C-alpha atoms as a PDB file:
ATOM      1  CA  UNK A   1     106.515  96.195 111.933  1.00  0.00           C
ATOM      2  CA  UNK A   2     103.309  96.444 109.969  1.00  0.00           C
ATOM      3  CA  UNK A   3     103.520 100.235 109.835  1.00  0.00           C
ATOM      4  CA  UNK A   4     106.996 100.233 108.315  1.00  0.00           C
ATOM      5  CA  UNK A   5     105.772  97.766 105.721  1.00  0.00           C
ATOM      6  CA  UNK A   6     102.913 100.122 104.808  1.00  0.00           C
ATOM      7  CA  UNK A   7     105.262 103.108 104.507  1.00  0.00           C
ATOM      8  CA  UNK A   8     107.613 101.169 102.232  1.00  0.00           C
ATOM      9  CA  UNK A   9     104.688  99.658 100.319  1.00  0.00           C
ATOM     10  CA  UNK A  10     103.670 102.879  98.502  1.00  0.00           C
ATOM     11  CA  UNK A  11     106.973 103.434  96.681  1.00  0.00           C
ATOM     12  CA  UNK A  12     107.447  99.697  96.178  1.00  0.00           C
ATOM     13  CA  UNK A  13     103.983  99.376  94.665  1.00  0.00           C
ATOM     14  CA  UNK A  14     104.714 102.273  92.312  1.00  0.00           C
ATOM     15  CA  UNK A  15     108.053 100.727  91.384  1.00  0.00           C
ATOM     16  CA  UNK A  16     106.546  97.324  90.607  1.00  0.00           C
ATOM     17  CA  UNK A  17     103.277  98.378  88.969  1.00  0.00           C
ATOM     18  CA  UNK A  18     104.365 101.718  87.534  1.00  0.00           C
ATOM     19  CA  UNK A  19     102.836 105.159  87.802  1.00  0.00           C
ATOM     20  CA  UNK A  20      99.216 104.057  87.710  1.00  0.00           C
ATOM     21  CA  UNK A  21      96.170 105.132  89.681  1.00  0.00           C
ATOM     22  CA  UNK A  22      95.633 101.695  91.158  1.00  0.00           C
ATOM     23  CA  UNK A  23      99.189 100.991  92.385  1.00  0.00           C
ATOM     24  CA  UNK A  24      98.832 103.139  95.548  1.00  0.00           C
ATOM     25  CA  UNK A  25      95.310 101.804  95.999  1.00  0.00           C
ATOM     26  CA  UNK A  26      96.762  98.319  96.528  1.00  0.00           C
ATOM     27  CA  UNK A  27      98.481  99.651  99.644  1.00  0.00           C
ATOM     28  CA  UNK A  28      95.171 101.014 100.909  1.00  0.00           C
ATOM     29  CA  UNK A  29      93.589  97.630 100.301  1.00  0.00           C
ATOM     30  CA  UNK A  30      96.350  95.980 102.346  1.00  0.00           C
ATOM     31  CA  UNK A  31      95.875  98.557 105.121  1.00  0.00           C
ATOM     32  CA  UNK A  32      92.117  97.928 105.065  1.00  0.00           C
ATOM     33  CA  UNK A  33      92.674  94.203 105.478  1.00  0.00           C
ATOM     34  CA  UNK A  34      95.073  94.940 108.349  1.00  0.00           C
ATOM     35  CA  UNK A  35      92.393  97.147 109.969  1.00  0.00           C
ATOM     36  CA  UNK A  36      89.775  94.402 109.722  1.00  0.00           C
ATOM     37  CA  UNK A  37      92.187  91.922 111.300  1.00  0.00           C
ATOM     38  CA  UNK A  38      93.124  94.361 114.116  1.00  0.00           C
ATOM     39  CA  UNK A  39      89.449  95.105 114.846  1.00  0.00           C
ATOM     40  CA  UNK A  40      88.858  91.350 115.050  1.00  0.00           C
ATOM     41  CA  UNK A  41      91.820  90.896 117.436  1.00  0.00           C
ATOM     42  CA  UNK A  42      90.654  93.723 119.711  1.00  0.00           C
ATOM     43  CA  UNK A  43      87.044  92.541 119.589  1.00  0.00           C
ATOM     44  CA  UNK A  44      87.959  88.919 120.303  1.00  0.00           C
ATOM     45  CA  UNK A  45      89.653  90.001 123.501  1.00  0.00           C
ATOM     46  CA  UNK A  46      86.617  91.846 124.860  1.00  0.00           C
ATOM     47  CA  UNK A  47      83.474  90.394 123.262  1.00  0.00           C
ATOM     48  CA  UNK A  48      84.512  86.937 122.086  1.00  0.00           C
ATOM     49  CA  UNK A  49      84.902  85.497 118.603  1.00  0.00           C
ATOM     50  CA  UNK A  50      81.308  86.076 117.471  1.00  0.00           C
ATOM     51  CA  UNK A  51      81.289  89.705 118.576  1.00  0.00           C
ATOM     52  CA  UNK A  52      84.707  90.196 117.016  1.00  0.00           C
ATOM     53  CA  UNK A  53      83.424  88.848 113.715  1.00  0.00           C
ATOM     54  CA  UNK A  54      80.474  91.256 113.822  1.00  0.00           C
ATOM     55  CA  UNK A  55      82.778  94.189 114.655  1.00  0.00           C
ATOM     56  CA  UNK A  56      85.264  93.300 111.901  1.00  0.00           C
ATOM     57  CA  UNK A  57      82.423  92.861 109.413  1.00  0.00           C
ATOM     58  CA  UNK A  58      80.878  96.182 110.431  1.00  0.00           C
ATOM     59  CA  UNK A  59      84.216  97.901 109.933  1.00  0.00           C
ATOM     60  CA  UNK A  60      84.804  96.201 106.574  1.00  0.00           C
ATOM     61  CA  UNK A  61      81.386  97.294 105.309  1.00  0.00           C
ATOM     62  CA  UNK A  62      81.435 100.788 106.802  1.00  0.00           C
ATOM     63  CA  UNK A  63      81.353 103.708 104.338  1.00  0.00           C
ATOM     64  CA  UNK A  64      84.746 104.826 105.673  1.00  0.00           C
ATOM     65  CA  UNK A  65      86.441 101.525 104.850  1.00  0.00           C
ATOM     66  CA  UNK A  66      84.635 101.112 101.552  1.00  0.00           C
ATOM     67  CA  UNK A  67      85.579 104.589 100.314  1.00  0.00           C
ATOM     68  CA  UNK A  68      89.097 105.005 101.698  1.00  0.00           C
ATOM     69  CA  UNK A  69      90.033 101.357 101.305  1.00  0.00           C
ATOM     70  CA  UNK A  70      90.023 101.636  97.537  1.00  0.00           C
ATOM     71  CA  UNK A  71      91.923 104.894  96.969  1.00  0.00           C
ATOM     72  CA  UNK A  72      95.598 105.668  97.441  1.00  0.00           C
ATOM     73  CA  UNK A  73      95.182 107.993 100.430  1.00  0.00           C
ATOM     74  CA  UNK A  74      96.751 107.668 103.855  1.00  0.00           C
ATOM     75  CA  UNK A  75      93.447 107.536 105.752  1.00  0.00           C
ATOM     76  CA  UNK A  76      93.205 103.771 106.161  1.00  0.00           C
ATOM     77  CA  UNK A  77      96.948 103.557 106.828  1.00  0.00           C
ATOM     78  CA  UNK A  78      96.474 105.950 109.746  1.00  0.00           C
ATOM     79  CA  UNK A  79      93.518 103.913 111.007  1.00  0.00           C
ATOM     80  CA  UNK A  80      95.693 100.780 110.928  1.00  0.00           C
ATOM     81  CA  UNK A  81      98.435 102.569 112.893  1.00  0.00           C
ATOM     82  CA  UNK A  82      95.981 103.810 115.523  1.00  0.00           C
ATOM     83  CA  UNK A  83      94.382 100.364 115.862  1.00  0.00           C
ATOM     84  CA  UNK A  84      97.832  98.840 116.308  1.00  0.00           C
ATOM     85  CA  UNK A  85      98.611 101.398 119.042  1.00  0.00           C
ATOM     86  CA  UNK A  86      95.302 100.577 120.750  1.00  0.00           C
ATOM     87  CA  UNK A  87      96.060  96.854 120.562  1.00  0.00           C
ATOM     88  CA  UNK A  88      99.482  97.399 122.154  1.00  0.00           C
ATOM     89  CA  UNK A  89      98.008  99.549 124.925  1.00  0.00           C
ATOM     90  CA  UNK A  90      95.174  97.104 125.622  1.00  0.00           C
ATOM     91  CA  UNK A  91      97.674  94.257 125.944  1.00  0.00           C
ATOM     92  CA  UNK A  92      98.892  95.952 129.134  1.00  0.00           C
ATOM     93  CA  UNK A  93      95.686  97.651 130.316  1.00  0.00           C
ATOM     94  CA  UNK A  94      94.406  94.925 132.611  1.00  0.00           C
ATOM     95  CA  UNK A  95      97.674  94.638 134.518  1.00  0.00           C
ATOM     96  CA  UNK A  96      98.268  91.033 133.526  1.00  0.00           C
ATOM     97  CA  UNK A  97     101.378  91.837 131.517  1.00  0.00           C
ATOM     98  CA  UNK A  98     104.100  94.024 132.983  1.00  0.00           C
ATOM     99  CA  UNK A  99     104.462  97.478 131.480  1.00  0.00           C
ATOM    100  CA  UNK A 100     108.139  97.375 130.589  1.00  0.00           C
ATOM    101  CA  UNK A 101     110.515  99.767 128.879  1.00  0.00           C
ATOM    102  CA  UNK A 102     110.363  97.486 125.843  1.00  0.00           C
ATOM    103  CA  UNK A 103     106.588  97.963 125.654  1.00  0.00           C
ATOM    104  CA  UNK A 104     107.021 101.750 125.748  1.00  0.00           C
ATOM    105  CA  UNK A 105     109.641 101.628 122.998  1.00  0.00           C
ATOM    106  CA  UNK A 106     107.502  99.333 120.832  1.00  0.00           C
ATOM    107  CA  UNK A 107     104.512 101.640 121.218  1.00  0.00           C
ATOM    108  CA  UNK A 108     106.690 104.582 120.179  1.00  0.00           C
ATOM    109  CA  UNK A 109     108.035 102.697 117.172  1.00  0.00           C
ATOM    110  CA  UNK A 110     104.443 102.234 116.002  1.00  0.00           C
ATOM    111  CA  UNK A 111     103.472 105.839 116.801  1.00  0.00           C
ATOM    112  CA  UNK A 112     106.400 107.387 114.881  1.00  0.00           C
ATOM    113  CA  UNK A 113     105.462 105.888 111.513  1.00  0.00           C
ATOM    114  CA  UNK A 114     101.831 106.791 112.242  1.00  0.00           C
ATOM    115  CA  UNK A 115     102.914 110.432 112.352  1.00  0.00           C
ATOM    116  CA  UNK A 116     104.861 109.959 109.114  1.00  0.00           C
ATOM    117  CA  UNK A 117     101.718 108.552 107.511  1.00  0.00           C
ATOM    118  CA  UNK A 118      99.494 111.463 108.542  1.00  0.00           C
ATOM    119  CA  UNK A 119     100.032 114.517 110.765  1.00  0.00           C
ATOM    120  CA  UNK A 120      96.636 113.910 112.377  1.00  0.00           C
ATOM    121  CA  UNK A 121      98.304 111.074 114.274  1.00  0.00           C
ATOM    122  CA  UNK A 122      99.501 113.691 116.772  1.00  0.00           C
ATOM    123  CA  UNK A 123      96.203 113.368 118.647  1.00  0.00           C
ATOM    124  CA  UNK A 124      96.291 109.565 119.079  1.00  0.00           C
ATOM    125  CA  UNK A 125     100.028 109.725 119.838  1.00  0.00           C
ATOM    126  CA  UNK A 126      99.377 112.251 122.599  1.00  0.00           C
ATOM    127  CA  UNK A 127      96.506 110.161 123.939  1.00  0.00           C
ATOM    128  CA  UNK A 128      98.676 107.013 123.842  1.00  0.00           C
ATOM    129  CA  UNK A 129     101.377 108.809 125.845  1.00  0.00           C
ATOM    130  CA  UNK A 130      98.782 110.030 128.335  1.00  0.00           C
ATOM    131  CA  UNK A 131      97.241 106.544 128.627  1.00  0.00           C
ATOM    132  CA  UNK A 132     100.713 105.094 129.150  1.00  0.00           C
ATOM    133  CA  UNK A 133     101.407 107.629 131.921  1.00  0.00           C
ATOM    134  CA  UNK A 134      98.064 106.901 133.617  1.00  0.00           C
ATOM    135  CA  UNK A 135      98.670 103.142 133.480  1.00  0.00           C
ATOM    136  CA  UNK A 136     102.106 103.643 135.064  1.00  0.00           C
ATOM    137  CA  UNK A 137     100.626 105.903 137.765  1.00  0.00           C
ATOM    138  CA  UNK A 138      97.776 103.488 138.567  1.00  0.00           C
ATOM    139  CA  UNK A 139     100.238 100.630 139.028  1.00  0.00           C
ATOM    140  CA  UNK A 140     102.152 102.700 141.590  1.00  0.00           C
ATOM    141  CA  UNK A 141     105.465 102.148 139.847  1.00  0.00           C
ATOM    142  CA  UNK A 142     108.464 104.117 141.105  1.00  0.00           C
ATOM    143  CA  UNK A 143     109.074 107.389 139.288  1.00  0.00           C
ATOM    144  CA  UNK A 144     112.447 106.404 137.834  1.00  0.00           C
ATOM    145  CA  UNK A 145     111.306 103.363 135.838  1.00  0.00           C
ATOM    146  CA  UNK A 146     108.058 105.110 134.874  1.00  0.00           C
ATOM    147  CA  UNK A 147     109.909 108.083 133.423  1.00  0.00           C
ATOM    148  CA  UNK A 148     112.186 105.619 131.625  1.00  0.00           C
ATOM    149  CA  UNK A 149     109.191 103.916 129.967  1.00  0.00           C
ATOM    150  CA  UNK A 150     107.772 107.284 128.893  1.00  0.00           C
ATOM    151  CA  UNK A 151     111.196 108.437 127.652  1.00  0.00           C
ATOM    152  CA  UNK A 152     111.573 105.277 125.566  1.00  0.00           C
ATOM    153  CA  UNK A 153     108.100 105.906 124.143  1.00  0.00           C
ATOM    154  CA  UNK A 154     109.337 109.357 123.084  1.00  0.00           C
ATOM    155  CA  UNK A 155     112.536 107.890 121.639  1.00  0.00           C
ATOM    156  CA  UNK A 156     110.479 105.352 119.715  1.00  0.00           C
ATOM    157  CA  UNK A 157     108.362 108.153 118.242  1.00  0.00           C
ATOM    158  CA  UNK A 158     111.462 110.128 117.224  1.00  0.00           C
ATOM    159  CA  UNK A 159     113.515 107.306 115.646  1.00  0.00           C
ATOM    160  CA  UNK A 160     111.388 106.971 112.462  1.00  0.00           C
ATOM    161  CA  UNK A 161     111.319 110.756 112.093  1.00  0.00           C
ATOM    162  CA  UNK A 162     115.098 111.017 112.396  1.00  0.00           C
ATOM    163  CA  UNK A 163     115.666 108.115 109.996  1.00  0.00           C
ATOM    164  CA  UNK A 164     113.376 109.789 107.471  1.00  0.00           C
ATOM    165  CA  UNK A 165     115.222 113.093 107.840  1.00  0.00           C
ATOM    166  CA  UNK A 166     118.586 111.347 107.377  1.00  0.00           C
ATOM    167  CA  UNK A 167     117.310 109.619 104.226  1.00  0.00           C
ATOM    168  CA  UNK A 168     116.015 112.953 102.901  1.00  0.00           C
ATOM    169  CA  UNK A 169     119.362 114.658 103.520  1.00  0.00           C
ATOM    170  CA  UNK A 170     121.235 111.784 101.867  1.00  0.00           C
ATOM    171  CA  UNK A 171     119.008 111.972  98.781  1.00  0.00           C
ATOM    172  CA  UNK A 172     119.386 115.749  98.701  1.00  0.00           C
ATOM    173  CA  UNK A 173     123.188 115.478  98.885  1.00  0.00           C
ATOM    174  CA  UNK A 174     123.230 112.865  96.129  1.00  0.00           C
ATOM    175  CA  UNK A 175     121.033 115.044  93.958  1.00  0.00           C
ATOM    176  CA  UNK A 176     123.240 118.096  94.555  1.00  0.00           C
ATOM    177  CA  UNK A 177     126.294 116.096  93.521  1.00  0.00           C
ATOM    178  CA  UNK A 178     124.616 115.306  90.176  1.00  0.00           C
ATOM    179  CA  UNK A 179     122.863 118.658  89.619  1.00  0.00           C
ATOM    180  CA  UNK A 180     124.433 121.339  91.856  1.00  0.00           C
ATOM    181  CA  UNK A 181     121.738 123.992  91.357  1.00  0.00           C
ATOM    182  CA  UNK A 182     118.727 121.756  91.912  1.00  0.00           C
ATOM    183  CA  UNK A 183     116.706 121.250  95.060  1.00  0.00           C
ATOM    184  CA  UNK A 184     114.735 118.282  96.327  1.00  0.00           C
ATOM    185  CA  UNK A 185     111.155 119.416  96.827  1.00  0.00           C
ATOM    186  CA  UNK A 186     108.823 117.822  99.341  1.00  0.00           C
ATOM    187  CA  UNK A 187     105.359 118.533 100.657  1.00  0.00           C
ATOM    188  CA  UNK A 188     106.763 120.167 103.791  1.00  0.00           C
END
């Protein structure tokens, strides 16, 4: 997924280009380009190609995109994750495509890395879950399958978090085997 690529891109960029100020900024540039493309895709669906071009251009030239798109912060990465969640939800909003368990899982697999990118993703994740529940309720789906879709959304959110925790514990164990008295420090 695009979000997993962005999460892996920061350390990969630092590995390839070294410990420079501009290496993480390249990831923000990539996330900014992804945002512009996602705004165009969403806009094309609702206002046509010309309106989508205006919306994508307005986003690209907005002070938010200009400032955060050139620094190595997670702001634009979070915006890309939220836009991807919106695109996935809108694909099923009109009722043309069935709201399946796979769609719920895919939405969760985008929402989980969004939370890993920035804790402020809790609000859009909660709203995405609520929107998913309302869409299921409005379609008068039976409770069993609806709860299954919501449960798979929750599983999708948790999988990236659990994988990250497992990787952290593995690195911590490896570090303790080399230096028994040391500890792996994180931001949390």
